[in-house]
Protein backbone atom coordinates (compact mmCIF):
# COMPACT_ATOMS: atom_id res chain seq x y z
CA MET A 1 6.45 1.67 -21.35
CA LEU A 2 3.96 3.62 -23.48
CA ARG A 3 3.92 0.88 -26.13
CA GLN A 4 3.23 -1.74 -23.47
CA ARG A 5 0.34 0.29 -22.08
CA LEU A 6 -1.11 0.73 -25.56
CA ILE A 7 -0.80 -2.99 -26.30
CA ARG A 8 -2.38 -3.94 -22.98
CA GLY A 9 -5.19 -1.45 -23.56
CA ALA A 10 -5.75 -2.75 -27.07
CA ASP A 11 -5.82 -6.35 -25.84
CA ARG A 12 -8.40 -5.54 -23.16
CA TYR A 13 -10.48 -3.48 -25.59
CA GLY A 14 -10.30 -6.16 -28.27
CA LYS A 15 -11.55 -8.89 -25.93
CA ALA A 16 -14.65 -6.82 -25.22
CA LEU A 17 -15.57 -6.70 -28.97
CA GLY A 18 -16.86 -9.35 -31.34
CA PRO A 19 -14.72 -10.74 -34.24
CA ARG A 20 -16.19 -8.41 -36.88
CA ALA A 21 -15.89 -5.38 -34.66
CA ARG A 22 -12.25 -6.21 -33.86
CA VAL A 23 -11.39 -6.53 -37.55
CA LEU A 24 -13.21 -3.28 -38.33
CA VAL A 25 -11.41 -1.40 -35.54
CA CYS A 26 -8.04 -2.59 -36.86
CA GLN A 27 -8.92 -1.52 -40.40
CA LEU A 28 -10.44 1.90 -39.64
CA PRO A 29 -7.18 3.94 -39.32
CA LEU A 30 -6.04 3.05 -42.86
CA ALA A 31 -9.57 3.40 -44.22
CA VAL A 32 -9.77 6.93 -42.83
CA MET A 33 -6.42 7.83 -44.41
CA MET A 34 -7.50 6.42 -47.77
CA ALA A 35 -10.80 8.30 -47.56
CA GLY A 36 -8.85 11.47 -46.92
CA VAL A 37 -6.78 10.86 -50.04
CA ALA A 38 -9.91 10.26 -52.08
CA LEU A 39 -11.64 13.42 -50.83
CA ALA A 40 -8.61 15.71 -51.09
CA GLY A 41 -7.33 14.24 -54.33
CA PRO A 42 -9.21 16.35 -56.92
CA ALA A 43 -8.20 19.63 -55.26
CA ALA A 44 -4.71 18.82 -53.95
CA TRP A 45 -3.48 16.48 -56.69
CA PRO A 46 -5.37 17.18 -59.92
CA GLY A 47 -3.74 14.26 -61.72
CA LEU A 48 -4.76 11.70 -59.10
CA PRO A 49 -8.30 10.96 -60.38
CA ASP A 50 -6.84 10.14 -63.80
CA SER A 51 -4.59 7.41 -62.34
CA THR A 52 -6.18 4.02 -62.97
CA LEU A 53 -4.01 2.33 -60.37
CA CYS A 54 -4.91 4.91 -57.72
CA ARG A 55 -8.58 4.45 -58.44
CA PHE A 56 -8.12 0.70 -58.23
CA ALA A 57 -6.28 1.11 -54.87
CA LEU A 58 -9.12 3.17 -53.43
CA ALA A 59 -11.70 0.69 -54.72
CA LEU A 60 -9.76 -2.19 -53.15
CA GLN A 61 -9.66 -0.33 -49.87
CA ALA A 62 -13.42 0.23 -49.96
CA ALA A 63 -13.97 -3.47 -50.70
CA LEU A 64 -11.72 -4.44 -47.76
CA LEU A 65 -13.65 -2.13 -45.43
CA ALA A 66 -16.93 -3.76 -46.52
CA ALA A 67 -15.40 -7.21 -46.01
CA CYS A 68 -14.52 -6.29 -42.43
CA VAL A 69 -18.23 -5.82 -41.74
CA LEU A 70 -19.81 -8.50 -43.95
CA VAL A 71 -17.51 -11.51 -43.62
CA PRO A 72 -18.41 -13.82 -40.69
CA TRP A 73 -14.87 -13.99 -39.33
CA GLN A 74 -15.94 -16.10 -36.35
CA ARG A 75 -16.40 -19.06 -38.72
CA PHE A 76 -12.76 -19.05 -39.73
CA GLY A 77 -9.51 -19.48 -37.87
CA PRO A 78 -7.83 -16.73 -35.85
CA LEU A 79 -5.37 -15.99 -38.69
CA ALA A 80 -8.04 -15.53 -41.37
CA PRO A 81 -8.48 -11.75 -40.77
CA LEU A 82 -4.79 -11.23 -41.68
CA VAL A 83 -5.82 -11.33 -45.33
CA ILE A 84 -7.08 -7.77 -44.78
CA PRO A 85 -3.73 -6.15 -43.82
CA ILE A 86 -1.92 -8.15 -46.54
CA LEU A 87 -4.30 -6.78 -49.18
CA ASP A 88 -3.92 -3.34 -47.53
CA LEU A 89 -0.22 -3.50 -48.40
CA VAL A 90 -1.19 -4.29 -52.01
CA ALA A 91 -3.53 -1.28 -52.06
CA ILE A 92 -0.77 0.95 -50.69
CA GLY A 93 1.60 -0.37 -53.37
CA LEU A 94 -0.93 0.51 -56.05
CA LEU A 95 -1.44 3.94 -54.54
CA ARG A 96 2.30 4.65 -54.66
CA ASP A 97 1.97 4.91 -58.42
CA GLY A 98 0.00 8.07 -57.70
CA THR A 99 3.22 9.86 -56.82
CA SER A 100 3.46 10.64 -60.50
CA ALA A 101 0.40 12.83 -59.98
CA GLY A 102 2.11 14.80 -57.18
CA LEU A 103 0.90 12.67 -54.26
CA PRO A 104 3.52 12.35 -51.48
CA ASP A 105 4.89 8.83 -51.09
CA PRO A 106 2.13 6.88 -49.31
CA GLY A 107 4.50 4.04 -48.46
CA VAL A 108 4.62 5.18 -44.84
CA LEU A 109 0.98 4.09 -44.55
CA SER A 110 2.31 0.53 -44.56
CA VAL A 111 2.98 0.96 -40.85
CA LEU A 112 -0.76 0.50 -40.10
CA PRO A 113 -1.18 -2.99 -41.61
CA VAL A 114 2.30 -3.97 -40.36
CA VAL A 115 1.28 -3.11 -36.78
CA TRP A 116 -1.86 -5.25 -37.27
CA ILE A 117 0.21 -8.19 -38.53
CA SER A 118 2.79 -7.84 -35.75
CA ALA A 119 0.11 -7.72 -33.07
CA SER A 120 -1.53 -10.92 -34.31
CA SER A 121 -0.89 -14.50 -33.15
CA LEU A 122 1.25 -15.13 -36.19
CA SER A 123 4.69 -16.59 -35.42
CA ALA A 124 7.58 -14.17 -35.05
CA ALA A 125 9.37 -15.45 -38.16
CA ALA A 126 6.26 -15.24 -40.34
CA SER A 127 5.34 -11.82 -38.96
CA LEU A 128 8.79 -10.34 -39.60
CA SER A 129 9.05 -11.90 -43.05
CA LEU A 130 5.64 -10.65 -44.09
CA SER A 131 6.28 -7.17 -42.68
CA PHE A 132 9.34 -6.82 -44.91
CA SER A 133 8.44 -8.78 -48.05
CA ALA A 134 4.86 -7.59 -48.56
CA PRO A 135 5.71 -3.85 -48.75
CA LEU A 136 8.74 -4.69 -50.91
CA LEU A 137 6.81 -6.82 -53.42
CA ALA A 138 3.92 -4.35 -53.55
CA ALA A 139 6.12 -1.37 -54.40
CA LEU A 140 9.04 -2.93 -56.29
CA PRO A 141 7.50 -3.09 -59.78
CA TRP A 142 6.54 0.58 -59.82
CA LEU A 143 9.77 1.89 -58.38
CA LEU A 144 12.01 -0.19 -60.67
CA ALA A 145 9.96 0.79 -63.71
CA ASP A 146 11.31 4.34 -63.38
CA ARG A 147 14.41 4.23 -65.64
CA THR A 148 15.22 7.90 -65.22
CA ALA A 149 16.93 7.41 -61.82
CA PRO A 150 20.18 5.44 -61.28
CA LEU A 151 19.78 1.78 -60.31
CA ALA A 152 21.38 2.27 -56.86
CA ALA A 153 18.99 5.10 -56.02
CA ARG A 154 15.98 3.09 -57.22
CA THR A 155 17.09 0.05 -55.22
CA ALA A 156 17.57 2.11 -52.07
CA GLU A 157 14.17 3.70 -52.56
CA ALA A 158 12.59 0.30 -53.07
CA VAL A 159 13.91 -1.22 -49.83
CA LEU A 160 13.70 1.85 -47.59
CA VAL A 161 10.02 1.51 -46.65
CA PRO A 162 10.22 -2.31 -46.21
CA LEU A 163 13.19 -1.84 -43.88
CA MET A 164 11.22 0.72 -41.89
CA MET A 165 8.31 -1.71 -41.64
CA LEU A 166 10.68 -4.47 -40.51
CA ALA A 167 11.95 -2.18 -37.73
CA VAL A 168 8.37 -1.43 -36.67
CA SER A 169 7.54 -5.15 -36.60
CA LEU A 170 10.68 -5.91 -34.56
CA ALA A 171 9.73 -3.21 -32.04
CA MET A 172 6.20 -4.59 -31.76
CA ARG A 173 7.38 -8.18 -31.30
CA SER A 174 9.91 -7.05 -28.70
CA ALA A 175 7.28 -5.10 -26.80
CA ARG A 176 4.91 -8.07 -26.86
CA ALA A 177 7.65 -10.39 -25.62
CA ARG A 178 8.47 -8.04 -22.75
CA LEU A 179 4.79 -7.70 -21.97
CA ARG A 180 4.32 -11.48 -21.84
CA HIS A 181 7.37 -11.75 -19.58
CA GLU A 182 5.96 -9.08 -17.27
CA GLN A 183 2.57 -10.78 -17.25
CA ARG A 184 4.16 -14.08 -16.25
CA ARG A 185 6.18 -12.34 -13.56
CA ILE A 186 3.07 -10.54 -12.25
CA LYS A 187 1.11 -13.79 -12.18
CA SER A 188 3.94 -15.43 -10.24
CA LYS A 189 3.96 -12.54 -7.76
CA GLU A 190 0.17 -12.71 -7.48
CA ALA A 191 0.42 -16.40 -6.65
CA GLU A 192 3.04 -15.67 -3.99
CA LEU A 193 0.94 -12.85 -2.57
CA GLY A 194 -2.08 -15.14 -2.52
CA VAL A 195 -0.19 -17.67 -0.40
CA LEU A 196 1.08 -14.94 1.92
CA LEU A 197 -2.38 -13.42 2.16
CA ALA A 198 -3.84 -16.79 3.16
CA GLU A 199 -1.20 -17.07 5.91
CA VAL A 200 -1.77 -13.49 7.07
CA THR A 201 -5.55 -13.95 7.06
CA GLY A 202 -5.18 -16.91 9.39
CA LEU A 203 -2.92 -14.89 11.67
CA VAL A 204 -5.32 -11.92 11.72
CA ASP A 205 -8.23 -14.23 12.50
CA ALA A 206 -6.26 -15.82 15.32
CA LEU A 207 -5.35 -12.42 16.77
CA ALA A 208 -8.95 -11.26 16.51
CA ALA A 209 -10.11 -14.43 18.23
CA LYS A 210 -7.53 -13.90 20.97
CA ASP A 211 -8.72 -10.33 21.54
CA ASP A 212 -12.32 -11.53 21.65
CA VAL A 213 -11.44 -14.14 24.26
CA VAL A 214 -9.48 -11.61 26.35
CA SER A 215 -12.32 -9.08 26.13
CA THR A 216 -15.00 -11.65 27.03
CA VAL A 217 -13.05 -13.16 29.92
CA SER A 218 -12.19 -9.69 31.25
CA HIS A 219 -15.84 -8.67 31.21
CA GLU A 220 -16.83 -11.86 32.97
CA PHE A 221 -14.16 -11.35 35.67
CA ARG A 222 -15.03 -7.75 36.47
CA THR A 223 -18.49 -8.40 37.93
CA PRO A 224 -17.52 -11.05 40.53
CA LEU A 225 -14.32 -9.17 41.43
CA THR A 226 -16.26 -5.98 42.03
CA SER A 227 -18.67 -7.92 44.24
CA ILE A 228 -15.79 -9.53 46.19
CA ILE A 229 -14.09 -6.18 46.80
CA GLY A 230 -17.36 -4.59 47.87
CA ASN A 231 -18.09 -7.33 50.39
CA LEU A 232 -14.53 -7.21 51.73
CA ASP A 233 -14.93 -3.45 52.25
CA LEU A 234 -18.11 -4.13 54.24
CA VAL A 235 -16.34 -6.77 56.35
CA LEU A 236 -13.44 -4.43 57.10
CA ALA A 237 -15.87 -1.66 58.02
CA ASP A 238 -17.62 -3.96 60.51
CA ILE A 239 -14.39 -5.05 62.19
CA GLU A 240 -12.69 -1.65 62.06
CA GLY A 241 -10.42 -1.07 65.06
CA LEU A 242 -9.73 -4.75 65.67
CA ASP A 243 -6.19 -6.02 65.46
CA SER A 244 -6.25 -9.71 64.73
CA PRO A 245 -4.88 -12.17 62.18
CA VAL A 246 -8.35 -12.34 60.66
CA VAL A 247 -8.31 -8.61 59.82
CA ARG A 248 -4.88 -8.87 58.28
CA ARG A 249 -5.98 -11.81 56.15
CA VAL A 250 -9.04 -9.90 54.96
CA GLU A 251 -6.84 -6.91 54.07
CA VAL A 252 -4.50 -9.20 52.12
CA ALA A 253 -7.52 -10.62 50.28
CA GLN A 254 -8.75 -7.09 49.55
CA ARG A 255 -5.38 -5.92 48.18
CA ASN A 256 -5.04 -8.96 45.94
CA ALA A 257 -8.62 -8.63 44.71
CA GLU A 258 -7.98 -4.97 43.84
CA ARG A 259 -4.76 -5.95 42.10
CA LEU A 260 -6.60 -8.63 40.13
CA LEU A 261 -9.30 -6.11 39.17
CA ALA A 262 -6.64 -3.69 37.95
CA LEU A 263 -5.10 -6.47 35.85
CA VAL A 264 -8.51 -7.34 34.38
CA SER A 265 -9.06 -3.65 33.54
CA ASP A 266 -5.69 -3.57 31.77
CA LEU A 267 -6.56 -6.69 29.79
CA LEU A 268 -9.92 -5.22 28.81
CA MET A 269 -8.37 -1.97 27.66
CA SER A 270 -5.61 -3.82 25.80
CA ALA A 271 -8.19 -5.81 23.84
CA SER A 272 -10.16 -2.68 22.97
CA ALA A 273 -9.81 -1.52 19.37
CA ALA A 274 -9.53 2.15 20.30
CA VAL A 275 -8.71 4.37 23.26
CA HIS A 276 -11.24 7.14 23.71
CA VAL A 277 -10.02 10.44 25.11
CA HIS A 278 -11.93 13.56 26.14
CA PRO A 279 -9.39 16.41 26.32
CA ARG A 280 -9.91 19.52 28.37
CA ARG A 281 -7.68 22.19 29.89
CA THR A 282 -5.77 20.36 32.64
CA ASP A 283 -2.97 21.19 35.07
CA LEU A 284 -0.40 18.41 34.53
CA ALA A 285 1.45 19.42 37.70
CA GLY A 286 -1.65 18.47 39.69
CA LEU A 287 -1.85 15.10 37.92
CA VAL A 288 1.81 14.39 38.73
CA GLU A 289 1.28 15.28 42.38
CA ALA A 290 -1.78 13.03 42.60
CA SER A 291 0.04 10.16 40.91
CA LEU A 292 2.99 10.37 43.31
CA GLY A 293 0.61 10.59 46.25
CA SER A 294 -1.16 7.42 45.15
CA ALA A 295 2.18 5.63 44.74
CA GLN A 296 3.54 6.69 48.14
CA ALA A 297 2.54 3.48 49.92
CA GLN A 298 4.09 1.31 47.20
CA ALA A 299 7.28 3.41 47.30
CA GLN A 300 7.56 3.13 51.09
CA ALA A 301 7.11 -0.63 50.94
CA SER A 302 9.96 -0.85 48.41
CA ARG A 303 12.06 1.81 50.20
CA VAL A 304 12.06 3.98 47.07
CA ARG A 305 12.33 7.77 47.34
CA LEU A 306 9.92 9.84 45.23
CA ALA A 307 10.85 13.29 43.96
CA THR A 308 9.27 15.79 41.60
CA ASP A 309 10.42 18.81 39.63
CA VAL A 310 7.31 19.94 37.81
CA PRO A 311 6.51 23.68 37.73
CA GLY A 312 2.92 24.47 38.49
CA PRO A 313 0.59 25.15 37.01
CA LEU A 314 1.53 23.27 33.80
CA TRP A 315 -1.42 23.52 31.44
CA ALA A 316 -2.21 21.21 28.52
CA ASN A 317 -5.33 20.13 26.69
CA VAL A 318 -5.52 16.45 27.68
CA ASP A 319 -7.87 13.88 29.13
CA PRO A 320 -6.98 14.03 32.86
CA LEU A 321 -8.28 10.50 33.54
CA ARG A 322 -6.25 8.91 30.75
CA ILE A 323 -3.05 10.86 31.41
CA SER A 324 -3.36 10.02 35.11
CA GLN A 325 -3.60 6.38 34.09
CA ALA A 326 -0.46 6.72 31.95
CA LEU A 327 1.45 8.45 34.77
CA ASP A 328 0.33 5.84 37.28
CA ASN A 329 1.61 3.07 35.00
CA LEU A 330 5.01 4.75 34.57
CA VAL A 331 5.48 5.64 38.24
CA SER A 332 4.33 2.19 39.36
CA ASN A 333 6.75 0.51 36.96
CA ALA A 334 9.59 2.79 38.05
CA ILE A 335 9.02 1.83 41.69
CA LYS A 336 8.59 -1.85 40.87
CA TYR A 337 11.87 -2.03 38.97
CA SER A 338 13.81 0.12 41.47
CA PRO A 339 13.68 -2.01 44.66
CA ASP A 340 15.81 -1.74 47.78
CA GLY A 341 16.41 1.95 48.21
CA GLY A 342 16.27 3.37 44.72
CA SER A 343 14.72 6.66 43.65
CA VAL A 344 12.09 7.83 41.18
CA ARG A 345 11.97 11.39 39.90
CA VAL A 346 9.27 13.03 37.78
CA SER A 347 10.20 16.23 35.95
CA ALA A 348 8.73 18.35 33.17
CA SER A 349 9.78 20.74 30.42
CA THR A 350 8.06 22.70 27.65
CA ALA A 351 9.27 23.64 24.16
CA ASP A 352 7.92 23.96 20.61
CA GLY A 353 4.29 23.60 21.67
CA LEU A 354 5.00 20.36 23.53
CA VAL A 355 4.96 19.39 27.18
CA ARG A 356 7.49 16.72 28.12
CA LEU A 357 7.05 14.63 31.25
CA HIS A 358 10.07 12.57 32.31
CA VAL A 359 9.79 9.61 34.70
CA GLU A 360 13.32 8.62 35.74
CA ASP A 361 14.34 5.73 37.97
CA THR A 362 17.61 4.26 39.24
CA GLY A 363 16.52 0.67 38.83
CA MET A 364 17.67 -2.33 36.85
CA GLY A 365 17.38 -0.77 33.37
CA MET A 366 17.14 -2.72 30.11
CA THR A 367 19.17 -3.73 27.10
CA ALA A 368 18.68 -1.89 23.82
CA ALA A 369 16.90 -4.93 22.37
CA ASP A 370 14.46 -5.04 25.29
CA ALA A 371 13.89 -1.28 25.09
CA GLY A 372 12.85 -1.69 21.45
CA ARG A 373 10.08 -4.08 22.46
CA VAL A 374 9.08 -2.61 25.79
CA PHE A 375 5.85 -1.06 24.43
CA THR A 376 4.68 -4.37 22.92
CA ARG A 377 1.71 -6.01 24.56
CA PHE A 378 2.59 -8.82 26.99
CA PHE A 379 6.34 -8.26 26.57
CA ARG A 380 8.43 -8.84 29.67
CA SER A 381 12.22 -8.85 29.52
CA PRO A 382 14.14 -11.99 30.51
CA ALA A 383 15.67 -10.14 33.47
CA VAL A 384 12.21 -9.28 34.79
CA ARG A 385 10.97 -12.85 34.38
CA ASP A 386 14.10 -14.23 36.04
CA GLY A 387 13.63 -11.82 38.93
CA SER A 388 10.04 -13.03 39.46
CA ILE A 389 8.79 -9.43 39.34
CA PRO A 390 4.99 -9.57 39.00
CA GLY A 391 3.20 -8.05 36.01
CA ALA A 392 1.42 -8.89 32.75
CA GLY A 393 3.38 -6.69 30.34
CA LEU A 394 0.38 -4.50 29.50
CA GLY A 395 0.99 -1.21 31.33
CA LEU A 396 3.45 0.32 28.87
CA SER A 397 1.48 -0.75 25.77
CA ILE A 398 -1.62 0.88 27.26
CA THR A 399 0.37 4.00 28.15
CA LYS A 400 1.65 4.23 24.58
CA ALA A 401 -1.89 3.92 23.20
CA ILE A 402 -3.11 6.69 25.53
CA VAL A 403 -0.27 9.06 24.62
CA GLU A 404 -0.59 8.45 20.88
CA ARG A 405 -4.35 8.98 21.08
CA HIS A 406 -3.50 12.47 22.38
CA GLY A 407 -1.33 13.06 19.31
CA GLY A 408 1.85 12.64 21.36
CA SER A 409 4.64 10.11 21.67
CA ILE A 410 6.54 8.16 24.32
CA SER A 411 10.18 7.09 24.30
CA CYS A 412 12.55 5.19 26.54
CA ARG A 413 16.19 5.85 27.35
CA THR A 414 17.79 3.08 29.37
CA ARG A 415 20.93 1.13 30.16
CA PRO A 416 21.32 -2.13 32.08
CA GLY A 417 22.07 -1.45 35.73
CA HIS A 418 21.67 2.33 35.36
CA GLY A 419 17.91 2.78 35.37
CA SER A 420 15.46 4.04 32.75
CA THR A 421 13.88 7.33 31.75
CA PHE A 422 10.50 7.37 30.03
CA THR A 423 9.51 10.61 28.31
CA LEU A 424 5.95 11.57 27.34
CA GLU A 425 5.55 14.30 24.71
CA LEU A 426 2.09 15.86 24.61
CA PRO A 427 0.91 18.78 22.44
CA THR A 428 -0.18 21.62 24.69
CA ASP A 429 -3.15 22.42 22.42
CA GLY A 430 -4.46 18.86 22.48
CA PRO A 431 -4.61 16.18 19.79
CA PRO A 432 -5.11 17.28 16.15
CA ALA A 433 -8.45 16.72 14.44
CA ALA A 434 -7.20 13.48 12.81
CA PHE A 435 -7.01 11.87 16.24
């Protein structure tokens, strides 16, 4: 992993430099090492300055460093700069003769030009062959000239450094191969992600357009509906006390207009990007009582009994308007899906800094699959659609948004034919700062 990062970094860095600068950067590590030998030689290895071959090696290295700067490498092919590391191996071979003057074996310096060769665009076979043969040929004459050591020891010493360089070259080629494979795989994934992103972008645009249409239409509906309801109120006030089919028809028109206005309000809120809450210290028991009072007429029409078990006062830091809206949605749904003599019960409990409000009904219930989608906008279960129960599938999604905006959560426990229980969990201290 580290080698791959280094290679990738070197590739990116190299592309940002010109040809001469790239050659110079590749040559600098060995040039610095050779300069160190030249500077430390007189003090550390007194016999080194007297070695003609060592002096020739240092001179060759200086000439190669100058060539890195002076030669217009951009005029030649991409493999032309490889003459530098090949001659570096010759200079290192010449320097190895300096071991007679006490200099430690400099053969390990061959790793620097070998890394350069292995990182080039040279073929794998040529790179491996050169990484082994060049250090061997450069050092072989001097090592075999020493007749004092046994032949086996001299042979082993001659091939040890070339074998090490071959291993380094193999590691480099392997790392480059893995890197190229990873690059191809990443490019393939990028292409796949690009296709998916194009699909998702279209979907997001379509959803945004849908929300814009819903928001615009809802706004346009609210004004005439408000005017209709206002005029119907005036008509009913003028004919108050009369009992005639006309009055009943006006009342029916008023109820349906109010119902339509409530639906438009739900659509408008559903299309809104955020739910704004303004928490303050509120008695939830009072909100529950008000919600049940507002639902009394609906419950009587459906012959549903309402019950409550909420200790009062029950304080929490919430937005009373929004929580009332959430309770109204839950109680209204509970009545709507518990027809013909069912019951709806609202209870409360507190624990661990949370207030839990439970809205329980004895209605038709849902399957587990439907319960998992019940808070999705516009979702209505097949049983509800088959039963022709009115609704737009927005109330529970809006309730969930309100509760989550308070830093709370809502859950549903249900079973087909055995009713449902919706539980709101609200922090008593109000939503955290992140909300």
